[in-house]
């Protein structure tokens, strides 16, 4: 499974040369990279670690 959407569509981009940077988000509690982005109650964005359940915004 690709780590990002861009990695999943690289073969579709082919000749398009676009400089991009990648930042991996890690859980501040356990360090896992298995993070889900969720919409908060007030419309803000929060993150949940799918490995340990820790959540933050």
Protein backbone atom coordinates (compact mmCIF):
# COMPACT_ATOMS: atom_id res chain seq x y z
CA UNK A 1 0.00 0.00 0.00
CA UNK A 2 1.43 3.43 -0.91
CA UNK A 3 2.40 5.66 2.00
CA UNK A 4 0.82 8.65 0.30
CA UNK A 5 -1.60 9.50 -2.47
CA UNK A 6 1.27 10.95 -4.55
CA UNK A 7 3.20 7.66 -4.35
CA UNK A 8 0.06 5.84 -5.46
CA UNK A 9 -0.34 7.94 -8.61
CA UNK A 10 3.30 8.44 -9.60
CA UNK A 11 2.86 6.09 -12.56
CA UNK A 12 -0.04 8.27 -13.77
CA UNK A 13 1.99 11.48 -13.58
CA UNK A 14 4.65 10.05 -15.91
CA UNK A 15 6.45 12.94 -17.62
CA UNK A 16 5.15 15.59 -15.23
CA UNK A 17 8.11 16.76 -13.24
CA UNK A 18 6.90 18.51 -10.12
CA UNK A 19 9.22 19.12 -7.18
CA UNK A 20 7.55 17.97 -3.99
CA UNK A 21 8.52 17.36 -0.44
CA UNK A 22 7.23 14.70 1.86
CA UNK A 23 6.70 15.04 5.56
CA UNK A 24 5.82 12.00 7.59
CA UNK A 25 3.56 12.54 10.53
CA UNK A 26 4.31 10.46 13.59
CA UNK A 27 2.31 9.84 16.73
CA UNK A 28 3.68 11.97 19.59
CA UNK A 29 2.81 9.17 22.00
CA UNK A 30 4.21 6.01 20.36
CA UNK A 31 6.02 7.32 17.24
CA UNK A 32 3.95 5.25 14.81
CA UNK A 33 3.41 6.54 11.28
CA UNK A 34 -0.06 4.96 11.14
CA UNK A 35 -2.07 8.17 11.44
CA UNK A 36 -5.64 8.91 10.40
CA UNK A 37 -6.78 12.46 9.70
CA UNK A 38 -10.30 13.13 11.00
CA UNK A 39 -12.69 16.05 10.94
CA UNK A 40 -13.33 17.42 14.41
CA UNK A 41 -16.68 18.45 15.90
CA UNK A 42 -15.99 22.15 15.33
CA UNK A 43 -14.80 21.65 11.74
CA UNK A 44 -11.12 21.53 12.66
CA UNK A 45 -8.77 18.73 11.72
CA UNK A 46 -7.57 16.19 14.25
CA UNK A 47 -5.29 13.18 14.01
CA UNK A 48 -5.66 9.71 15.52
CA UNK A 49 -2.95 7.10 15.78
CA UNK A 50 -4.38 3.81 14.56
CA UNK A 51 -1.65 1.92 16.40
CA UNK A 52 -2.21 3.20 19.96
CA UNK A 53 -5.40 5.28 19.77
CA UNK A 54 -3.79 8.57 20.83
CA UNK A 55 -5.53 11.62 19.32
CA UNK A 56 -4.39 15.23 18.90
CA UNK A 57 -5.00 18.32 16.82
